[in-house]
């Protein structure tokens, strides 16, 4: 019988407990008594501080499952383990030092990594060999670190300060798209927080990269946050299964969440829809754990996904699942506002704010130092189409409602 996997789990630099593989595809997590008795915080909203064994009947508990790499990075890490496909537990143990948020996982008997299945002509894959980072998202990306205004792939034992996203062979201008869409998003909601990003280069890598400053890292170390997939206890593979209402319900019913967070969430979804970001799933929204309660993190992953083949809105909106962006009507957005329990007057003011700021959003795209006229005009055309087809009618529709 093969040995069952297990790892040490840390909150920041404090040993928190043991994560174990159990017979029958189950896993368990148990807090260390010392961690419990010291009054330390819970690792997750769904793993409260208790002297109990948390059992997941099928694979990793959702909190841990969402820490595992996805897409390009997952495949590269599997090849480093000399496997075409490694289990999610194996990947978490081997590459769990630099995860999203404040939690890390350490293998007491680290697996041997091999170059045998790597493409050694690809600098990004070589960088995966020297790092221990786990990042979600399907496009090529690396954890990187800034030193003296230059960026380098993060290495074992060094916490990354930024994330680098690279061009995709399947999606033209993807990193330019995200950069420009993020600028427009910030112009639409100037009082909100958006990740700090730029287009630049990584030492040793020939391709340009979208460089994103990590909001879960400070000079003092790791910052605790959870994606909504984790907060709602969903596996990584189910990030598209559900509705935006579920996030609102969580905020409105969770202790120490402020009502303004519910409004900010609705505003972000609205601005994203206006920019044709159809890929706003549960892993693209997150909340910090703070002493005062849960608070939204800066907005991230703003991409006009409808520019490609992604025409279906990621989550159900106004009780309508699998809604094509071209079929979006004012009534859908108003129905979502009702699901969020937001007053009509507040929603009307938000739409007027977007109307005032959409010219600034266009200017942000046009004046950006990167991107050619073609991609810029495409993004502006998408925004105009969405405004004229849906948003311009909101005021009239709201005025007709009791």
Protein backbone atom coordinates (compact mmCIF):
# COMPACT_ATOMS: atom_id res chain seq x y z
CA UNK A 1 0.00 0.00 0.00
CA UNK A 2 1.37 3.43 -0.96
CA UNK A 3 2.18 5.87 1.80
CA UNK A 4 -0.50 8.50 2.38
CA UNK A 5 0.48 12.11 1.82
CA UNK A 6 0.61 14.67 4.61
CA UNK A 7 1.90 18.18 5.12
CA UNK A 8 2.46 20.86 7.72
CA UNK A 9 0.18 23.89 7.39
CA UNK A 10 1.33 27.35 8.43
CA UNK A 11 -0.56 30.59 8.99
CA UNK A 12 1.99 33.24 8.06
CA UNK A 13 5.04 31.77 9.86
CA UNK A 14 3.14 29.99 12.64
CA UNK A 15 2.58 26.22 12.53
CA UNK A 16 -1.19 25.75 12.45
CA UNK A 17 -1.86 22.05 11.94
CA UNK A 18 -1.60 18.93 9.80
CA UNK A 19 -3.24 18.23 6.43
CA UNK A 20 -3.48 14.50 5.70
CA UNK A 21 -4.54 12.22 2.91
CA UNK A 22 -6.89 9.52 4.23
CA UNK A 23 -7.97 6.18 2.74
CA UNK A 24 -10.77 6.34 0.16
CA UNK A 25 -9.83 9.69 -1.45
CA UNK A 26 -10.61 11.57 1.75
CA UNK A 27 -8.44 14.24 3.34
CA UNK A 28 -8.39 15.67 6.84
CA UNK A 29 -7.14 18.78 8.58
CA UNK A 30 -6.61 19.22 12.31
CA UNK A 31 -5.43 22.31 14.14
CA UNK A 32 -2.37 21.89 16.33
CA UNK A 33 -3.31 22.28 20.05
CA UNK A 34 -0.66 24.95 20.55
CA UNK A 35 -2.09 27.00 17.68
CA UNK A 36 -5.60 26.59 19.10
CA UNK A 37 -4.65 27.61 22.63
CA UNK A 38 -2.68 30.67 21.52
CA UNK A 39 -5.79 32.44 20.23
CA UNK A 40 -4.63 32.45 16.61
CA UNK A 41 -7.07 33.17 13.75
CA UNK A 42 -8.84 30.51 11.71
CA UNK A 43 -7.25 29.50 8.42
CA UNK A 44 -10.58 29.84 6.67
CA UNK A 45 -14.13 31.00 7.20
CA UNK A 46 -15.13 27.36 6.59
CA UNK A 47 -12.48 25.93 8.98
CA UNK A 48 -13.24 27.69 12.26
CA UNK A 49 -10.94 27.42 15.26
CA UNK A 50 -12.12 24.23 16.93
CA UNK A 51 -10.59 21.12 18.44
CA UNK A 52 -11.96 18.80 15.79
CA UNK A 53 -10.85 16.93 12.67
CA UNK A 54 -12.17 18.47 9.46
CA UNK A 55 -12.86 15.70 6.96
CA UNK A 56 -13.31 16.20 3.22
CA UNK A 57 -14.93 13.15 1.65
CA UNK A 58 -13.58 13.71 -1.86
CA UNK A 59 -10.11 15.19 -2.23
CA UNK A 60 -8.92 18.39 -0.64
CA UNK A 61 -11.15 20.60 1.46
CA UNK A 62 -12.36 23.52 -0.75
CA UNK A 63 -10.14 26.01 1.08
CA UNK A 64 -7.00 24.01 0.25
CA UNK A 65 -8.22 22.91 -3.18
CA UNK A 66 -8.46 26.54 -4.29
CA UNK A 67 -4.80 27.08 -3.38
CA UNK A 68 -3.64 24.62 -6.04
CA UNK A 69 -2.31 25.91 -9.36
CA UNK A 70 -4.47 25.81 -12.48
CA UNK A 71 -3.93 25.67 -16.23
CA UNK A 72 -0.45 26.22 -17.65
CA UNK A 73 1.26 26.33 -14.26
CA UNK A 74 -0.51 23.18 -13.05
CA UNK A 75 0.69 21.25 -16.13
CA UNK A 76 4.25 22.54 -15.76
CA UNK A 77 4.32 21.57 -12.08
CA UNK A 78 2.99 18.09 -12.88
CA UNK A 79 5.82 17.58 -15.35
CA UNK A 80 8.32 18.66 -12.69
CA UNK A 81 6.99 15.83 -10.55
CA UNK A 82 7.71 13.55 -13.55
CA UNK A 83 3.99 13.00 -14.10
CA UNK A 84 1.64 13.84 -16.92
CA UNK A 85 -0.99 14.58 -14.30
CA UNK A 86 -0.30 14.87 -10.57
CA UNK A 87 -2.98 14.82 -7.86
CA UNK A 88 -4.00 18.15 -6.39
CA UNK A 89 -2.61 17.08 -3.03
CA UNK A 90 0.76 16.27 -4.61
CA UNK A 91 0.85 19.68 -6.30
CA UNK A 92 -0.09 21.50 -3.09
CA UNK A 93 2.63 19.73 -1.10
CA UNK A 94 5.31 20.33 -3.71
CA UNK A 95 4.45 23.96 -4.52
CA UNK A 96 2.52 25.24 -1.51
CA UNK A 97 5.15 27.53 -0.03
CA UNK A 98 3.95 30.65 -1.91
CA UNK A 99 0.16 30.36 -2.14
CA UNK A 100 -2.50 33.04 -2.36
CA UNK A 101 -3.09 34.61 1.05
CA UNK A 102 -1.44 33.87 4.38
CA UNK A 103 -1.43 30.07 4.38
CA UNK A 104 1.42 27.84 3.20
CA UNK A 105 1.88 24.07 3.11
CA UNK A 106 5.21 22.34 3.67
CA UNK A 107 5.99 18.73 2.73
CA UNK A 108 8.11 17.11 5.48
CA UNK A 109 9.59 14.82 2.81
CA UNK A 110 9.81 17.05 -0.30
CA UNK A 111 9.29 15.31 -3.62
CA UNK A 112 12.19 15.23 -6.04
CA UNK A 113 11.69 17.52 -8.99
CA UNK A 114 12.98 16.56 -12.42
CA UNK A 115 13.68 18.34 -15.68
CA UNK A 116 12.83 15.22 -17.68
CA UNK A 117 9.39 16.38 -18.91
CA UNK A 118 10.11 20.12 -19.01
CA UNK A 119 10.70 22.20 -22.11
CA UNK A 120 14.16 23.49 -21.19
CA UNK A 121 14.05 25.97 -24.07
CA UNK A 122 11.20 27.82 -22.30
CA UNK A 123 12.51 30.25 -19.68
CA UNK A 124 9.12 30.26 -17.92
CA UNK A 125 9.22 26.50 -17.37
CA UNK A 126 12.78 26.72 -16.07
CA UNK A 127 11.55 29.37 -13.60
CA UNK A 128 8.88 26.94 -12.35
CA UNK A 129 11.68 24.49 -11.55
CA UNK A 130 13.36 26.96 -9.20
CA UNK A 131 10.17 28.22 -7.50
CA UNK A 132 7.58 26.89 -5.08
CA UNK A 133 4.56 29.04 -5.95
CA UNK A 134 0.97 28.01 -6.50
CA UNK A 135 -1.21 30.37 -8.56
CA UNK A 136 -4.73 29.96 -9.92
CA UNK A 137 -5.87 30.93 -13.40
CA UNK A 138 -5.34 29.15 -16.71
CA UNK A 139 -2.97 31.48 -18.59
CA UNK A 140 0.85 31.27 -18.31
CA UNK A 141 2.00 33.04 -15.16
CA UNK A 142 4.83 33.11 -12.65
CA UNK A 143 5.39 34.36 -9.12
CA UNK A 144 8.05 37.06 -9.31
CA UNK A 145 9.98 39.29 -6.94
CA UNK A 146 11.02 42.91 -7.32
CA UNK A 147 14.61 43.91 -6.55
CA UNK A 148 16.04 47.33 -7.35
CA UNK A 149 13.25 48.10 -9.81
CA UNK A 150 13.77 44.88 -11.74
CA UNK A 151 11.69 41.71 -11.66
CA UNK A 152 12.98 38.16 -11.26
CA UNK A 153 11.26 34.75 -10.95
CA UNK A 154 10.78 33.98 -7.27
CA UNK A 155 12.93 31.13 -5.94
CA UNK A 156 12.48 28.61 -3.14
CA UNK A 157 12.23 30.26 0.27
CA UNK A 158 11.51 33.74 -1.13
CA UNK A 159 8.02 35.21 -1.01
CA UNK A 160 6.97 36.75 -4.30
CA UNK A 161 5.94 40.40 -4.41
CA UNK A 162 4.24 40.37 -7.82
CA UNK A 163 2.61 38.04 -10.33
CA UNK A 164 3.60 38.02 -14.00
CA UNK A 165 1.08 37.01 -16.66
CA UNK A 166 2.35 36.20 -20.14
CA UNK A 167 0.82 36.31 -23.64
CA UNK A 168 -1.47 33.46 -24.61
CA UNK A 169 -1.21 31.60 -27.92
CA UNK A 170 -5.00 31.15 -27.87
CA UNK A 171 -6.05 34.71 -27.01
CA UNK A 172 -4.52 37.56 -28.95
CA UNK A 173 -3.43 40.60 -26.95
CA UNK A 174 -4.57 39.02 -23.68
CA UNK A 175 -2.20 40.89 -21.37
CA UNK A 176 -2.85 44.18 -23.21
CA UNK A 177 -6.58 43.49 -22.92
CA UNK A 178 -6.35 43.04 -19.15
CA UNK A 179 -4.16 46.11 -18.73
CA UNK A 180 -6.48 48.38 -20.75
CA UNK A 181 -9.68 46.93 -19.28
CA UNK A 182 -8.32 47.47 -15.76
CA UNK A 183 -7.54 51.11 -16.57
CA UNK A 184 -11.08 51.60 -17.87
CA UNK A 185 -12.54 49.84 -14.82
CA UNK A 186 -10.64 52.18 -12.50
CA UNK A 187 -11.95 55.19 -14.45
CA UNK A 188 -15.53 53.93 -14.13
CA UNK A 189 -15.20 53.40 -10.37
CA UNK A 190 -12.51 55.92 -9.32
CA UNK A 191 -13.26 55.58 -5.60
CA UNK A 192 -12.79 51.79 -5.62
CA UNK A 193 -9.57 49.79 -5.26
CA UNK A 194 -8.00 48.08 -8.28
CA UNK A 195 -4.77 46.10 -8.39
CA UNK A 196 -1.62 47.96 -9.35
CA UNK A 197 -0.39 46.66 -12.70
CA UNK A 198 1.93 47.52 -15.59
CA UNK A 199 3.42 46.02 -18.73
CA UNK A 200 7.10 45.18 -18.33
CA UNK A 201 9.78 42.51 -18.55
CA UNK A 202 11.08 39.72 -16.34
CA UNK A 203 14.82 39.11 -16.15
CA UNK A 204 15.68 36.00 -18.15
CA UNK A 205 12.32 35.84 -19.95
CA UNK A 206 12.06 37.22 -23.46
CA UNK A 207 8.29 37.69 -23.56
CA UNK A 208 6.64 40.86 -22.24
CA UNK A 209 4.50 40.41 -19.13
CA UNK A 210 1.59 41.96 -17.30
CA UNK A 211 3.12 42.66 -13.87
CA UNK A 212 0.63 42.75 -11.01
CA UNK A 213 1.53 43.84 -7.49
CA UNK A 214 0.28 41.27 -4.98
CA UNK A 215 -2.21 42.75 -2.51
CA UNK A 216 -1.63 39.76 -0.21
CA UNK A 217 2.02 40.65 0.37
CA UNK A 218 3.53 43.51 2.37
CA UNK A 219 7.09 44.16 3.58
CA UNK A 220 5.98 42.41 6.79
CA UNK A 221 4.91 39.25 4.95
CA UNK A 222 1.68 37.49 4.03
CA UNK A 223 -1.83 38.98 4.18
CA UNK A 224 -4.85 36.77 4.87
CA UNK A 225 -7.68 36.69 2.33
CA UNK A 226 -10.04 34.19 0.70
CA UNK A 227 -11.66 34.01 -2.71
CA UNK A 228 -15.41 33.59 -2.74
CA UNK A 229 -14.96 30.04 -4.00
CA UNK A 230 -13.34 29.34 -0.64
CA UNK A 231 -15.79 31.42 1.40
CA UNK A 232 -18.70 29.56 -0.22
CA UNK A 233 -16.96 26.18 0.27
CA UNK A 234 -16.68 25.30 -3.42
CA UNK A 235 -13.96 23.32 -5.15
CA UNK A 236 -11.84 25.14 -7.72
CA UNK A 237 -13.59 23.31 -10.57
CA UNK A 238 -17.00 24.73 -9.55
CA UNK A 239 -16.08 28.41 -9.87
CA UNK A 240 -18.71 28.89 -12.60
CA UNK A 241 -21.53 27.06 -10.79
CA UNK A 242 -23.81 29.54 -9.07
CA UNK A 243 -25.03 33.11 -9.06
CA UNK A 244 -23.80 36.56 -8.11
CA UNK A 245 -26.61 36.59 -5.54
CA UNK A 246 -24.74 33.97 -3.50
CA UNK A 247 -21.88 36.40 -2.87
CA UNK A 248 -24.33 39.11 -1.85
CA UNK A 249 -26.13 36.69 0.47
CA UNK A 250 -22.80 35.80 2.08
CA UNK A 251 -21.90 39.45 2.71
CA UNK A 252 -25.34 40.36 4.03
CA UNK A 253 -25.56 37.41 6.42
CA UNK A 254 -21.96 37.15 7.64
CA UNK A 255 -20.88 38.67 10.90
CA UNK A 256 -18.88 41.91 10.70
CA UNK A 257 -19.44 42.44 6.95
CA UNK A 258 -20.44 46.03 6.24
CA UNK A 259 -23.44 46.85 4.01
CA UNK A 260 -21.19 49.03 1.83
CA UNK A 261 -19.32 45.87 0.76
CA UNK A 262 -22.53 44.57 -0.77
CA UNK A 263 -22.96 47.78 -2.76
CA UNK A 264 -19.29 47.74 -3.86
CA UNK A 265 -19.68 44.18 -5.07
CA UNK A 266 -22.71 45.10 -7.17
CA UNK A 267 -20.87 48.13 -8.61
CA UNK A 268 -17.90 45.95 -9.58
CA UNK A 269 -20.11 43.43 -11.35
CA UNK A 270 -21.91 46.23 -13.16
CA UNK A 271 -18.70 47.92 -14.31
CA UNK A 272 -17.29 44.57 -15.39
CA UNK A 273 -20.40 43.82 -17.45
CA UNK A 274 -20.17 47.24 -19.11
CA UNK A 275 -16.60 46.37 -20.12
CA UNK A 276 -17.74 42.95 -21.43
CA UNK A 277 -15.90 40.99 -18.75
CA UNK A 278 -17.98 37.82 -19.02
CA UNK A 279 -15.47 35.80 -16.94
CA UNK A 280 -16.29 37.19 -13.47
CA UNK A 281 -16.57 33.89 -11.59
CA UNK A 282 -16.30 33.12 -7.85
CA UNK A 283 -12.48 33.02 -7.86
CA UNK A 284 -12.34 36.56 -9.27
CA UNK A 285 -13.80 38.14 -6.13
CA UNK A 286 -12.22 37.92 -2.68
CA UNK A 287 -12.29 39.30 0.85
CA UNK A 288 -9.56 40.19 3.34
CA UNK A 289 -9.73 38.84 6.88
CA UNK A 290 -9.24 41.94 9.04
CA UNK A 291 -9.60 42.54 12.80
CA UNK A 292 -12.81 44.43 12.01
CA UNK A 293 -14.26 41.68 9.80
CA UNK A 294 -14.31 40.65 6.14
CA UNK A 295 -13.62 43.37 3.56
CA UNK A 296 -13.37 43.19 -0.23
CA UNK A 297 -9.87 42.99 -1.67
CA UNK A 298 -8.90 45.23 -4.58
CA UNK A 299 -10.58 44.27 -7.85
CA UNK A 300 -8.49 42.03 -10.11
CA UNK A 301 -8.67 39.94 -13.31
CA UNK A 302 -10.59 42.57 -15.25
CA UNK A 303 -10.51 41.30 -18.85
CA UNK A 304 -12.93 42.00 -21.71
CA UNK A 305 -13.37 38.25 -22.24
CA UNK A 306 -16.20 38.75 -24.75
CA UNK A 307 -13.53 39.93 -27.19
CA UNK A 308 -12.74 36.23 -27.57
CA UNK A 309 -15.19 33.32 -27.60
CA UNK A 310 -16.56 33.86 -24.10
CA UNK A 311 -20.03 35.30 -24.71
CA UNK A 312 -21.81 33.76 -21.70
CA UNK A 313 -21.80 35.63 -18.38
CA UNK A 314 -19.91 33.49 -15.87
CA UNK A 315 -22.55 33.34 -13.11
CA UNK A 316 -26.32 33.57 -13.00
CA UNK A 317 -27.51 37.17 -13.02
CA UNK A 318 -31.01 38.10 -11.90
CA UNK A 319 -31.95 34.40 -11.61
CA UNK A 320 -30.93 33.82 -15.23
CA UNK A 321 -28.09 31.31 -15.69
CA UNK A 322 -25.98 31.02 -18.86
CA UNK A 323 -27.04 34.46 -20.03
CA UNK A 324 -25.47 35.58 -23.29
CA UNK A 325 -23.96 39.05 -22.96
CA UNK A 326 -25.78 40.11 -26.14
CA UNK A 327 -29.11 39.19 -24.51
CA UNK A 328 -28.51 41.21 -21.34
CA UNK A 329 -31.46 43.49 -20.63
CA UNK A 330 -32.04 46.29 -18.08
CA UNK A 331 -34.47 44.01 -16.27
CA UNK A 332 -31.62 41.52 -15.58
CA UNK A 333 -29.46 44.16 -13.90
CA UNK A 334 -32.41 45.53 -11.93
CA UNK A 335 -33.37 42.00 -10.87
CA UNK A 336 -29.81 41.50 -9.63
CA UNK A 337 -30.04 44.74 -7.64
CA UNK A 338 -33.21 43.38 -6.04
CA UNK A 339 -31.37 40.14 -5.22
CA UNK A 340 -28.69 42.25 -3.55
CA UNK A 341 -31.43 44.04 -1.55
CA UNK A 342 -30.19 47.40 -2.82
CA UNK A 343 -32.54 50.41 -2.92
CA UNK A 344 -33.58 51.63 -6.36
CA UNK A 345 -32.34 55.17 -5.66
CA UNK A 346 -28.82 53.91 -4.96
CA UNK A 347 -28.82 51.86 -8.15
CA UNK A 348 -30.01 54.81 -10.20
CA UNK A 349 -27.17 56.96 -8.82
CA UNK A 350 -24.67 54.23 -9.68
CA UNK A 351 -25.86 54.09 -13.28
CA UNK A 352 -25.60 57.87 -13.52
CA UNK A 353 -22.06 57.66 -12.15
CA UNK A 354 -21.12 55.14 -14.84
CA UNK A 355 -22.68 57.41 -17.46
CA UNK A 356 -20.57 60.34 -16.27
CA UNK A 357 -17.39 58.30 -16.13
CA UNK A 358 -17.59 56.29 -19.35
CA UNK A 359 -15.86 59.03 -21.34
CA UNK A 360 -13.00 58.92 -18.81
CA UNK A 361 -12.87 55.14 -19.28
CA UNK A 362 -12.50 55.60 -23.04
CA UNK A 363 -9.79 58.21 -22.51
CA UNK A 364 -7.93 55.83 -20.19
CA UNK A 365 -7.88 53.22 -22.94
CA UNK A 366 -6.93 55.61 -25.75
CA UNK A 367 -4.16 57.36 -23.80
CA UNK A 368 -2.56 54.17 -22.46
CA UNK A 369 1.14 53.86 -23.39
CA UNK A 370 0.68 50.28 -24.65
CA UNK A 371 -1.66 48.62 -27.14
CA UNK A 372 -2.31 49.49 -30.78
CA UNK A 373 -5.34 51.29 -32.18
CA UNK A 374 -7.00 48.03 -33.16
CA UNK A 375 -7.27 46.55 -29.65
CA UNK A 376 -8.16 49.94 -28.16
CA UNK A 377 -10.95 50.53 -30.67
CA UNK A 378 -12.27 47.00 -30.14
CA UNK A 379 -12.56 47.55 -26.39
CA UNK A 380 -14.27 50.91 -26.84
CA UNK A 381 -16.68 49.42 -29.36
CA UNK A 382 -17.61 46.67 -26.90
CA UNK A 383 -18.30 49.26 -24.19
CA UNK A 384 -20.39 51.42 -26.53
CA UNK A 385 -22.39 48.40 -27.66
CA UNK A 386 -23.11 47.38 -24.10
CA UNK A 387 -24.03 50.90 -23.02
CA UNK A 388 -26.35 51.58 -25.94
CA UNK A 389 -27.90 48.13 -25.83
CA UNK A 390 -28.50 47.83 -22.08
CA UNK A 391 -27.26 50.56 -19.79
CA UNK A 392 -28.77 53.59 -21.55
CA UNK A 393 -32.24 52.20 -20.87
CA UNK A 394 -31.73 51.65 -17.15
CA UNK A 395 -32.88 55.10 -16.07
CA UNK A 396 -36.07 54.83 -18.08
CA UNK A 397 -36.74 51.34 -16.80
CA UNK A 398 -36.13 52.32 -13.18
CA UNK A 399 -38.49 55.29 -13.47
CA UNK A 400 -41.25 52.92 -14.59
CA UNK A 401 -40.83 50.70 -11.54
CA UNK A 402 -42.90 51.40 -8.40
